[in-house]
Amino acid sequence: MHAWCSVLGTYAEYAVALAERVVSIPDDVTFEQAAAALLGSEKAVELNYSQQVTPYWLVQPVFQYYVDVGANAALANAPVLGFRTKVNF
């Protein structure tokens, strides 16, 4: 008989991205102001649970929630359900 092992985990991410566009910057705008206008950020939170089902098989359902997807505030937030598995031979 083997021991069952389970783990609850969390993860958070904050990513900054530069917008893919070319703009002309007026002379009265500083570099910092222009950079702030062009930069966006994507935030993500993950909640996962892993269960060692057998000595050779691990399953891990995952829930992720993304805010400002692709560093674009115009896009809707995105909940994502996923599943990971690991098999050892």
C-alpha atoms as a PDB file:
ATOM      1  CA  MET A   1       0.000   0.000   0.000  1.00  0.00           C
ATOM      2  CA  HIS A   2       1.288   3.508  -0.798  1.00  0.00           C
ATOM      3  CA  ALA A   3       0.780   6.814   1.000  1.00  0.00           C
ATOM      4  CA  TRP A   4      -1.531   9.352  -0.669  1.00  0.00           C
ATOM      5  CA  CYS A   5      -0.028  12.775  -1.167  1.00  0.00           C
ATOM      6  CA  SER A   6      -1.937  15.940  -2.018  1.00  0.00           C
ATOM      7  CA  VAL A   7      -0.838  19.561  -2.260  1.00  0.00           C
ATOM      8  CA  LEU A   8      -2.766  22.833  -2.597  1.00  0.00           C
ATOM      9  CA  GLY A   9      -0.839  25.603  -4.350  1.00  0.00           C
ATOM     10  CA  THR A  10      -1.231  29.202  -5.441  1.00  0.00           C
ATOM     11  CA  TYR A  11       0.627  31.428  -7.892  1.00  0.00           C
ATOM     12  CA  ALA A  12       0.438  35.100  -8.831  1.00  0.00           C
ATOM     13  CA  GLU A  13       1.952  36.869 -11.843  1.00  0.00           C
ATOM     14  CA  TYR A  14       2.353  40.492 -12.924  1.00  0.00           C
ATOM     15  CA  ALA A  15       3.735  40.972 -16.410  1.00  0.00           C
ATOM     16  CA  VAL A  16       4.492  44.283 -18.117  1.00  0.00           C
ATOM     17  CA  ALA A  17       4.299  44.542 -21.887  1.00  0.00           C
ATOM     18  CA  LEU A  18       5.123  47.243 -24.404  1.00  0.00           C
ATOM     19  CA  ALA A  19       2.313  48.003 -26.808  1.00  0.00           C
ATOM     20  CA  GLU A  20       3.095  47.031 -30.391  1.00  0.00           C
ATOM     21  CA  ARG A  21       2.438  50.372 -32.033  1.00  0.00           C
ATOM     22  CA  VAL A  22       4.391  53.303 -33.397  1.00  0.00           C
ATOM     23  CA  VAL A  23       3.354  56.734 -32.206  1.00  0.00           C
ATOM     24  CA  SER A  24       4.706  60.223 -32.549  1.00  0.00           C
ATOM     25  CA  ILE A  25       5.386  61.815 -29.170  1.00  0.00           C
ATOM     26  CA  PRO A  26       4.708  65.555 -28.817  1.00  0.00           C
ATOM     27  CA  ASP A  27       7.633  67.701 -27.684  1.00  0.00           C
ATOM     28  CA  ASP A  28       5.944  68.666 -24.412  1.00  0.00           C
ATOM     29  CA  VAL A  29       5.609  65.024 -23.256  1.00  0.00           C
ATOM     30  CA  THR A  30       8.434  63.514 -21.198  1.00  0.00           C
ATOM     31  CA  PHE A  31       9.857  60.048 -21.856  1.00  0.00           C
ATOM     32  CA  GLU A  32       8.342  58.769 -18.577  1.00  0.00           C
ATOM     33  CA  GLN A  33       4.870  60.002 -19.547  1.00  0.00           C
ATOM     34  CA  ALA A  34       5.127  58.420 -22.993  1.00  0.00           C
ATOM     35  CA  ALA A  35       6.375  55.117 -21.573  1.00  0.00           C
ATOM     36  CA  ALA A  36       3.545  55.023 -19.031  1.00  0.00           C
ATOM     37  CA  ALA A  37       1.015  55.499 -21.839  1.00  0.00           C
ATOM     38  CA  LEU A  38       2.509  52.685 -23.949  1.00  0.00           C
ATOM     39  CA  LEU A  39       3.076  50.117 -21.207  1.00  0.00           C
ATOM     40  CA  GLY A  40       0.356  47.747 -20.110  1.00  0.00           C
ATOM     41  CA  SER A  41       0.311  44.893 -17.635  1.00  0.00           C
ATOM     42  CA  GLU A  42      -1.274  41.476 -17.387  1.00  0.00           C
ATOM     43  CA  LYS A  43      -2.045  40.009 -13.995  1.00  0.00           C
ATOM     44  CA  ALA A  44      -2.748  36.347 -13.295  1.00  0.00           C
ATOM     45  CA  VAL A  45      -3.682  34.306 -10.246  1.00  0.00           C
ATOM     46  CA  GLU A  46      -3.596  30.505 -10.178  1.00  0.00           C
ATOM     47  CA  LEU A  47      -5.046  28.025  -7.754  1.00  0.00           C
ATOM     48  CA  ASN A  48      -4.114  24.386  -8.172  1.00  0.00           C
ATOM     49  CA  TYR A  49      -4.435  21.116  -6.322  1.00  0.00           C
ATOM     50  CA  SER A  50      -2.279  18.079  -6.976  1.00  0.00           C
ATOM     51  CA  GLN A  51      -3.119  14.542  -5.961  1.00  0.00           C
ATOM     52  CA  GLN A  52      -0.716  11.612  -6.187  1.00  0.00           C
ATOM     53  CA  VAL A  53      -3.299   9.019  -7.262  1.00  0.00           C
ATOM     54  CA  THR A  54      -0.830   6.140  -7.534  1.00  0.00           C
ATOM     55  CA  PRO A  55       2.946   5.961  -7.055  1.00  0.00           C
ATOM     56  CA  TYR A  56       3.383   6.652 -10.778  1.00  0.00           C
ATOM     57  CA  TRP A  57       0.422   8.999 -11.577  1.00  0.00           C
ATOM     58  CA  LEU A  58      -0.181  12.571 -10.417  1.00  0.00           C
ATOM     59  CA  VAL A  59      -3.222  14.643 -11.409  1.00  0.00           C
ATOM     60  CA  GLN A  60      -3.525  18.412 -10.974  1.00  0.00           C
ATOM     61  CA  PRO A  61      -6.645  20.450 -11.775  1.00  0.00           C
ATOM     62  CA  VAL A  62      -5.856  24.162 -12.235  1.00  0.00           C
ATOM     63  CA  PHE A  63      -7.890  27.383 -12.134  1.00  0.00           C
ATOM     64  CA  GLN A  64      -6.293  30.574 -13.511  1.00  0.00           C
ATOM     65  CA  TYR A  65      -7.778  34.085 -13.656  1.00  0.00           C
ATOM     66  CA  TYR A  66      -6.232  36.705 -15.955  1.00  0.00           C
ATOM     67  CA  VAL A  67      -6.856  40.456 -15.652  1.00  0.00           C
ATOM     68  CA  ASP A  68      -6.032  42.807 -18.553  1.00  0.00           C
ATOM     69  CA  VAL A  69      -5.377  39.885 -20.886  1.00  0.00           C
ATOM     70  CA  GLY A  70      -2.403  40.538 -23.151  1.00  0.00           C
ATOM     71  CA  ALA A  71      -1.790  43.823 -21.317  1.00  0.00           C
ATOM     72  CA  ASN A  72      -4.900  45.178 -23.033  1.00  0.00           C
ATOM     73  CA  ALA A  73      -7.466  46.684 -20.644  1.00  0.00           C
ATOM     74  CA  ALA A  74     -10.043  46.687 -23.466  1.00  0.00           C
ATOM     75  CA  LEU A  75     -10.229  42.871 -23.424  1.00  0.00           C
ATOM     76  CA  ALA A  76     -12.403  41.052 -20.914  1.00  0.00           C
ATOM     77  CA  ASN A  77     -10.877  39.263 -17.944  1.00  0.00           C
ATOM     78  CA  ALA A  78     -10.394  35.539 -18.571  1.00  0.00           C
ATOM     79  CA  PRO A  79     -11.048  32.615 -16.223  1.00  0.00           C
ATOM     80  CA  VAL A  80      -9.237  29.458 -17.357  1.00  0.00           C
ATOM     81  CA  LEU A  81      -9.778  25.893 -16.183  1.00  0.00           C
ATOM     82  CA  GLY A  82      -7.035  23.396 -16.902  1.00  0.00           C
ATOM     83  CA  PHE A  83      -5.688  20.000 -16.027  1.00  0.00           C
ATOM     84  CA  ARG A  84      -2.143  18.711 -15.711  1.00  0.00           C
ATOM     85  CA  THR A  85      -1.043  15.154 -15.290  1.00  0.00           C
ATOM     86  CA  LYS A  86       2.290  13.443 -14.758  1.00  0.00           C
ATOM     87  CA  VAL A  87       3.064   9.790 -15.345  1.00  0.00           C
ATOM     88  CA  ASN A  88       6.336   8.179 -14.250  1.00  0.00           C
ATOM     89  CA  PHE A  89       7.447   4.996 -15.949  1.00  0.00           C
END
